[in-house]
Amino acid sequence: MQEQRNHTPADEDAHADREVMLLLTDPEDQRPWTEDDLKRQLDAPVAAADTIGRLRRAGLVVRTSEGLVFATRAAIHAAQIED
C-alpha cells in the first residue's frame, strides 16, 4: 500500500509559487500577465494574490499599478540556468 503524503500549507504555497514562476518565465510566452489572468490560471484567487505578494517581496516579480505582473530579469535568468 502506498502512503499518501499530506500536503502542508507551505507545500501548497511552494507549488503555487512554482506554477506562477513557470508561467512568467516561459521562454515561449514571456509577457506581462494581469493579476486576474494569473488568478484564473491557478483557479485560486486568494492563493494567486498571496503568491504574487510572496514573489514580489522576494524580488522575483514586479506588479505594476495597473495590475500587470512580470518576472524580473534575475528570475528569468535563474529559470534559464535551471534548463
Protein backbone atom coordinates (compact mmCIF):
# COMPACT_ATOMS: atom_id res chain seq x y z
CA MET A 1 0.00 0.00 0.00
CA GLN A 2 1.34 3.38 -0.97
CA GLU A 3 1.35 6.09 1.67
CA GLN A 4 -0.37 9.31 0.78
CA ARG A 5 1.59 12.37 1.77
CA ASN A 6 -0.30 15.14 3.49
CA HIS A 7 0.42 18.48 1.89
CA THR A 8 1.11 21.26 4.31
CA PRO A 9 0.15 24.88 3.65
CA ALA A 10 3.84 25.54 2.96
CA ASP A 11 3.84 22.79 0.31
CA GLU A 12 0.78 24.32 -1.33
CA ASP A 13 2.38 27.79 -1.27
CA ALA A 14 5.58 26.45 -2.85
CA HIS A 15 3.55 24.69 -5.55
CA ALA A 16 1.65 27.89 -6.37
CA ASP A 17 4.90 29.89 -6.41
CA ARG A 18 6.48 27.41 -8.84
CA GLU A 19 3.41 27.43 -11.07
CA VAL A 20 3.36 31.22 -11.32
CA MET A 21 7.11 31.42 -11.93
CA LEU A 22 6.82 28.83 -14.71
CA LEU A 23 4.10 30.91 -16.36
CA LEU A 24 6.06 34.14 -16.05
CA THR A 25 9.39 32.75 -17.23
CA ASP A 26 8.18 30.54 -20.09
CA PRO A 27 10.57 31.44 -22.94
CA GLU A 28 7.78 30.92 -25.47
CA ASP A 29 5.38 33.20 -23.63
CA GLN A 30 7.32 35.86 -21.70
CA ARG A 31 4.90 38.68 -21.31
CA PRO A 32 3.26 40.53 -18.53
CA TRP A 33 0.23 38.71 -17.16
CA THR A 34 -2.63 40.50 -15.50
CA GLU A 35 -3.16 39.56 -11.90
CA ASP A 36 -6.69 38.49 -12.87
CA ASP A 37 -5.32 36.16 -15.57
CA LEU A 38 -3.00 34.54 -13.04
CA LYS A 39 -5.89 34.10 -10.61
CA ARG A 40 -7.93 32.39 -13.33
CA GLN A 41 -4.99 30.24 -14.42
CA LEU A 42 -4.40 29.00 -10.88
CA ASP A 43 -8.14 28.69 -10.28
CA ALA A 44 -7.48 30.04 -6.79
CA PRO A 45 -7.82 33.83 -6.50
CA VAL A 46 -6.60 34.08 -2.90
CA ALA A 47 -3.64 31.76 -3.48
CA ALA A 48 -2.64 33.71 -6.59
CA ALA A 49 -2.73 37.03 -4.75
CA ASP A 50 -0.69 35.56 -1.90
CA THR A 51 1.79 34.05 -4.35
CA ILE A 52 2.25 37.33 -6.20
CA GLY A 53 2.88 39.07 -2.90
CA ARG A 54 5.45 36.47 -1.78
CA LEU A 55 7.28 36.54 -5.12
CA ARG A 56 7.24 40.34 -5.19
CA ARG A 57 8.73 40.55 -1.69
CA ALA A 58 11.41 38.06 -2.78
CA GLY A 59 12.31 40.30 -5.74
CA LEU A 60 11.23 37.75 -8.34
CA VAL A 61 8.23 39.56 -9.82
CA VAL A 62 7.06 43.09 -10.34
CA ARG A 63 3.41 44.13 -10.10
CA THR A 64 2.51 47.42 -11.76
CA SER A 65 -0.16 49.81 -10.54
CA GLU A 66 -2.27 48.62 -13.49
CA GLY A 67 -2.22 45.04 -12.15
CA LEU A 68 0.34 43.66 -14.61
CA VAL A 69 2.73 41.06 -13.24
CA PHE A 70 6.02 40.04 -14.83
CA ALA A 71 9.19 38.26 -13.81
CA THR A 72 12.31 40.25 -13.02
CA ARG A 73 15.40 39.80 -15.15
CA ALA A 74 17.01 37.88 -12.30
CA ALA A 75 14.08 35.44 -12.16
CA ILE A 76 14.21 34.89 -15.91
CA HIS A 77 17.97 34.32 -15.74
CA ALA A 78 17.56 31.81 -12.90
CA ALA A 79 14.92 29.94 -14.90
CA GLN A 80 17.27 29.75 -17.88
CA ILE A 81 20.07 28.35 -15.70
CA GLU A 82 17.78 25.55 -14.48
CA ASP A 83 17.07 24.42 -18.05
